[in-house]
Amino acid sequence: MTDDEALEVALRLKALADPVRIRLLSILMTSGDGALCTGDLAPAVGLSEATVSHHLTQLRKAGMVESVRQGMNVHHSVRTESLEALRRVLAVDCC
């Protein structure tokens, strides 16, 4: 693993070190719609839209969530390739 790859993994793990972010990812992954707006996610996790937006920004910076503005709403979806890359690193056959 290169230094750049290790840095990417560390950034993703840091983003996942918060239980709210894990819940947000779980909700997005199981959403039948594929993308949800902040206003839909806030009541699902029991937090304000501003707080949810902050957590989504951290997930976006880590490359795990994609956000697209549609009118006055921002729709968020999981970047599955990013999660798959993280899974490959963590699923090393070591034993």
N, C-alpha and C. Protein backbone atom coordinates (compact mmCIF):
# COMPACT_ATOMS: atom_id res chain seq x y z
N MET A 1 0.85 -1.17 0.00
CA MET A 1 0.00 0.00 0.00
C MET A 1 0.90 1.24 0.00
N THR A 2 0.57 2.17 -0.88
CA THR A 2 1.36 3.40 -0.96
C THR A 2 0.96 4.36 0.16
N ASP A 3 1.77 5.40 0.34
CA ASP A 3 1.45 6.41 1.35
C ASP A 3 0.13 7.10 1.03
N ASP A 4 -0.12 7.40 -0.24
CA ASP A 4 -1.37 8.05 -0.64
C ASP A 4 -2.58 7.16 -0.36
N GLU A 5 -2.44 5.87 -0.64
CA GLU A 5 -3.54 4.94 -0.37
C GLU A 5 -3.80 4.83 1.13
N ALA A 6 -2.73 4.79 1.91
CA ALA A 6 -2.88 4.72 3.37
C ALA A 6 -3.56 5.97 3.90
N LEU A 7 -3.24 7.13 3.33
CA LEU A 7 -3.88 8.37 3.75
C LEU A 7 -5.38 8.35 3.43
N GLU A 8 -5.74 7.85 2.25
CA GLU A 8 -7.16 7.75 1.88
C GLU A 8 -7.91 6.84 2.84
N VAL A 9 -7.33 5.71 3.18
CA VAL A 9 -7.97 4.78 4.11
C VAL A 9 -8.13 5.45 5.48
N ALA A 10 -7.10 6.14 5.93
CA ALA A 10 -7.16 6.81 7.23
C ALA A 10 -8.25 7.87 7.25
N LEU A 11 -8.40 8.63 6.17
CA LEU A 11 -9.45 9.65 6.10
C LEU A 11 -10.84 9.02 6.15
N ARG A 12 -11.01 7.90 5.48
CA ARG A 12 -12.31 7.22 5.50
C ARG A 12 -12.62 6.66 6.89
N LEU A 13 -11.62 6.06 7.51
CA LEU A 13 -11.83 5.51 8.84
C LEU A 13 -12.12 6.62 9.85
N LYS A 14 -11.44 7.74 9.71
CA LYS A 14 -11.70 8.88 10.60
C LYS A 14 -13.14 9.36 10.43
N ALA A 15 -13.61 9.42 9.20
CA ALA A 15 -14.99 9.85 8.95
C ALA A 15 -15.98 8.86 9.56
N LEU A 16 -15.63 7.59 9.60
CA LEU A 16 -16.51 6.57 10.15
C LEU A 16 -16.40 6.43 11.67
N ALA A 17 -15.55 7.22 12.29
CA ALA A 17 -15.35 7.13 13.73
C ALA A 17 -16.49 7.78 14.52
N ASP A 18 -17.52 8.24 13.83
CA ASP A 18 -18.67 8.85 14.49
C ASP A 18 -19.90 8.00 14.22
N PRO A 19 -20.62 7.58 15.26
CA PRO A 19 -21.79 6.72 15.06
C PRO A 19 -22.89 7.35 14.20
N VAL A 20 -23.02 8.66 14.25
CA VAL A 20 -24.04 9.33 13.41
C VAL A 20 -23.70 9.13 11.94
N ARG A 21 -22.44 9.23 11.60
CA ARG A 21 -22.03 9.06 10.20
C ARG A 21 -22.25 7.63 9.73
N ILE A 22 -22.01 6.68 10.60
CA ILE A 22 -22.27 5.29 10.25
C ILE A 22 -23.77 5.09 10.01
N ARG A 23 -24.59 5.69 10.86
CA ARG A 23 -26.04 5.58 10.68
C ARG A 23 -26.47 6.23 9.37
N LEU A 24 -25.92 7.41 9.07
CA LEU A 24 -26.27 8.09 7.82
C LEU A 24 -25.91 7.23 6.61
N LEU A 25 -24.72 6.65 6.62
CA LEU A 25 -24.32 5.77 5.52
C LEU A 25 -25.26 4.57 5.41
N SER A 26 -25.61 3.99 6.54
CA SER A 26 -26.51 2.85 6.54
C SER A 26 -27.86 3.21 5.93
N ILE A 27 -28.40 4.36 6.31
CA ILE A 27 -29.68 4.82 5.78
C ILE A 27 -29.57 5.04 4.28
N LEU A 28 -28.50 5.68 3.85
CA LEU A 28 -28.32 5.94 2.41
C LEU A 28 -28.16 4.64 1.63
N MET A 29 -27.44 3.67 2.21
CA MET A 29 -27.22 2.40 1.50
C MET A 29 -28.50 1.59 1.37
N THR A 30 -29.40 1.71 2.33
CA THR A 30 -30.62 0.91 2.31
C THR A 30 -31.80 1.67 1.72
N SER A 31 -31.57 2.90 1.30
CA SER A 31 -32.64 3.69 0.71
C SER A 31 -33.00 3.14 -0.66
N GLY A 32 -34.25 2.86 -0.86
CA GLY A 32 -34.70 2.37 -2.16
C GLY A 32 -34.61 3.44 -3.23
N ASP A 33 -34.60 4.71 -2.82
CA ASP A 33 -34.56 5.82 -3.77
C ASP A 33 -33.16 6.06 -4.33
N GLY A 34 -32.14 5.58 -3.64
CA GLY A 34 -30.78 5.79 -4.09
C GLY A 34 -30.16 7.07 -3.59
N ALA A 35 -30.96 8.12 -3.38
CA ALA A 35 -30.46 9.39 -2.88
C ALA A 35 -31.52 10.02 -1.99
N LEU A 36 -31.07 10.64 -0.92
CA LEU A 36 -31.98 11.31 0.00
C LEU A 36 -31.48 12.72 0.27
N CYS A 37 -32.41 13.63 0.53
CA CYS A 37 -32.00 14.99 0.85
C CYS A 37 -31.81 15.12 2.36
N THR A 38 -31.11 16.17 2.75
CA THR A 38 -30.80 16.41 4.15
C THR A 38 -32.06 16.43 5.00
N GLY A 39 -33.12 17.03 4.46
CA GLY A 39 -34.38 17.11 5.19
C GLY A 39 -35.00 15.76 5.47
N ASP A 40 -34.72 14.76 4.64
CA ASP A 40 -35.20 13.40 4.89
C ASP A 40 -34.33 12.67 5.91
N LEU A 41 -33.04 12.98 5.90
CA LEU A 41 -32.11 12.29 6.78
C LEU A 41 -32.17 12.79 8.22
N ALA A 42 -32.40 14.09 8.41
CA ALA A 42 -32.38 14.68 9.75
C ALA A 42 -33.35 13.98 10.71
N PRO A 43 -34.63 13.83 10.36
CA PRO A 43 -35.52 13.15 11.31
C PRO A 43 -35.18 11.67 11.50
N ALA A 44 -34.58 11.06 10.51
CA ALA A 44 -34.22 9.64 10.61
C ALA A 44 -33.16 9.40 11.68
N VAL A 45 -32.30 10.40 11.90
CA VAL A 45 -31.25 10.26 12.92
C VAL A 45 -31.52 11.14 14.15
N GLY A 46 -32.62 11.89 14.12
CA GLY A 46 -33.01 12.70 15.27
C GLY A 46 -32.14 13.91 15.52
N LEU A 47 -31.60 14.48 14.45
CA LEU A 47 -30.73 15.65 14.58
C LEU A 47 -31.24 16.77 13.67
N SER A 48 -30.72 17.97 13.88
CA SER A 48 -31.10 19.10 13.03
C SER A 48 -30.49 18.94 11.64
N GLU A 49 -31.09 19.62 10.68
CA GLU A 49 -30.55 19.57 9.31
C GLU A 49 -29.13 20.11 9.26
N ALA A 50 -28.85 21.14 10.06
CA ALA A 50 -27.49 21.72 10.08
C ALA A 50 -26.47 20.70 10.57
N THR A 51 -26.82 19.95 11.61
CA THR A 51 -25.90 18.95 12.14
C THR A 51 -25.71 17.81 11.14
N VAL A 52 -26.79 17.37 10.53
CA VAL A 52 -26.70 16.31 9.52
C VAL A 52 -25.86 16.78 8.34
N SER A 53 -26.05 18.03 7.93
CA SER A 53 -25.27 18.59 6.84
C SER A 53 -23.78 18.57 7.16
N HIS A 54 -23.43 18.89 8.40
CA HIS A 54 -22.03 18.85 8.83
C HIS A 54 -21.47 17.43 8.68
N HIS A 55 -22.22 16.45 9.17
CA HIS A 55 -21.75 15.06 9.08
C HIS A 55 -21.63 14.60 7.63
N LEU A 56 -22.57 15.00 6.79
CA LEU A 56 -22.51 14.63 5.38
C LEU A 56 -21.31 15.29 4.69
N THR A 57 -20.98 16.50 5.10
CA THR A 57 -19.79 17.17 4.55
C THR A 57 -18.53 16.37 4.88
N GLN A 58 -18.44 15.87 6.10
CA GLN A 58 -17.28 15.06 6.48
C GLN A 58 -17.22 13.77 5.66
N LEU A 59 -18.36 13.15 5.44
CA LEU A 59 -18.39 11.93 4.62
C LEU A 59 -18.06 12.25 3.16
N ARG A 60 -18.49 13.39 2.68
CA ARG A 60 -18.18 13.80 1.31
C ARG A 60 -16.68 14.07 1.16
N LYS A 61 -16.09 14.75 2.13
CA LYS A 61 -14.64 15.02 2.09
C LYS A 61 -13.83 13.72 2.09
N ALA A 62 -14.36 12.70 2.74
CA ALA A 62 -13.68 11.40 2.78
C ALA A 62 -13.97 10.58 1.53
N GLY A 63 -14.79 11.12 0.63
CA GLY A 63 -15.07 10.44 -0.63
C GLY A 63 -16.12 9.35 -0.53
N MET A 64 -16.89 9.33 0.55
CA MET A 64 -17.84 8.25 0.76
C MET A 64 -19.27 8.60 0.37
N VAL A 65 -19.54 9.88 0.21
CA VAL A 65 -20.88 10.34 -0.16
C VAL A 65 -20.76 11.33 -1.31
N GLU A 66 -21.71 11.27 -2.21
CA GLU A 66 -21.79 12.23 -3.31
C GLU A 66 -23.03 13.07 -3.07
N SER A 67 -22.91 14.38 -3.28
CA SER A 67 -24.02 15.29 -3.07
C SER A 67 -24.29 16.07 -4.34
N VAL A 68 -25.57 16.15 -4.71
CA VAL A 68 -25.97 16.85 -5.93
C VAL A 68 -27.10 17.79 -5.59
N ARG A 69 -26.93 19.07 -5.94
CA ARG A 69 -27.99 20.05 -5.70
C ARG A 69 -29.05 19.90 -6.79
N GLN A 70 -30.30 19.83 -6.33
CA GLN A 70 -31.45 19.79 -7.24
C GLN A 70 -32.45 20.81 -6.74
N GLY A 71 -32.45 21.98 -7.38
CA GLY A 71 -33.30 23.06 -6.92
C GLY A 71 -32.82 23.56 -5.57
N MET A 72 -33.71 23.59 -4.60
CA MET A 72 -33.34 24.06 -3.26
C MET A 72 -32.82 22.94 -2.37
N ASN A 73 -32.88 21.72 -2.84
CA ASN A 73 -32.46 20.57 -2.03
C ASN A 73 -31.12 20.03 -2.51
N VAL A 74 -30.42 19.40 -1.59
CA VAL A 74 -29.19 18.68 -1.92
C VAL A 74 -29.46 17.20 -1.66
N HIS A 75 -29.27 16.38 -2.67
CA HIS A 75 -29.51 14.94 -2.56
C HIS A 75 -28.18 14.22 -2.38
N HIS A 76 -28.15 13.31 -1.44
CA HIS A 76 -26.92 12.60 -1.07
C HIS A 76 -27.07 11.12 -1.39
N SER A 77 -25.98 10.55 -1.88
CA SER A 77 -25.96 9.11 -2.15
C SER A 77 -24.57 8.57 -1.80
N VAL A 78 -24.51 7.28 -1.57
CA VAL A 78 -23.26 6.62 -1.20
C VAL A 78 -22.42 6.39 -2.45
N ARG A 79 -21.13 6.64 -2.34
CA ARG A 79 -20.18 6.30 -3.40
C ARG A 79 -19.71 4.87 -3.11
N THR A 80 -20.40 3.92 -3.70
CA THR A 80 -20.14 2.51 -3.38
C THR A 80 -18.71 2.08 -3.70
N GLU A 81 -18.11 2.68 -4.72
CA GLU A 81 -16.73 2.30 -5.05
C GLU A 81 -15.77 2.67 -3.93
N SER A 82 -16.05 3.75 -3.21
CA SER A 82 -15.22 4.15 -2.09
C SER A 82 -15.35 3.17 -0.93
N LEU A 83 -16.57 2.76 -0.65
CA LEU A 83 -16.78 1.78 0.42
C LEU A 83 -16.21 0.42 0.05
N GLU A 84 -16.30 0.07 -1.21
CA GLU A 84 -15.75 -1.20 -1.68
C GLU A 84 -14.22 -1.20 -1.53
N ALA A 85 -13.58 -0.08 -1.84
CA ALA A 85 -12.13 0.02 -1.69
C ALA A 85 -11.73 -0.13 -0.22
N LEU A 86 -12.50 0.46 0.67
CA LEU A 86 -12.23 0.34 2.10
C LEU A 86 -12.43 -1.11 2.55
N ARG A 87 -13.46 -1.75 2.07
CA ARG A 87 -13.71 -3.15 2.41
C ARG A 87 -12.55 -4.05 1.98
N ARG A 88 -12.02 -3.79 0.78
CA ARG A 88 -10.90 -4.60 0.28
C ARG A 88 -9.68 -4.47 1.19
N VAL A 89 -9.44 -3.28 1.68
CA VAL A 89 -8.28 -3.07 2.56
C VAL A 89 -8.48 -3.79 3.89
N LEU A 90 -9.70 -3.72 4.41
CA LEU A 90 -9.97 -4.30 5.73
C LEU A 90 -10.16 -5.81 5.69
N ALA A 91 -10.42 -6.36 4.52
CA ALA A 91 -10.70 -7.79 4.40
C ALA A 91 -9.47 -8.58 3.94
N VAL A 92 -8.32 -8.13 4.35
CA VAL A 92 -7.08 -8.81 3.97
C VAL A 92 -7.06 -10.19 4.63
N ASP A 93 -6.72 -11.19 3.84
CA ASP A 93 -6.61 -12.55 4.39
C ASP A 93 -5.32 -12.66 5.19
N CYS A 94 -5.45 -12.55 6.48
CA CYS A 94 -4.25 -12.53 7.31
C CYS A 94 -4.03 -13.82 8.09
N CYS A 95 -5.06 -14.64 8.23
CA CYS A 95 -4.90 -15.79 9.13
C CYS A 95 -5.29 -17.09 8.46
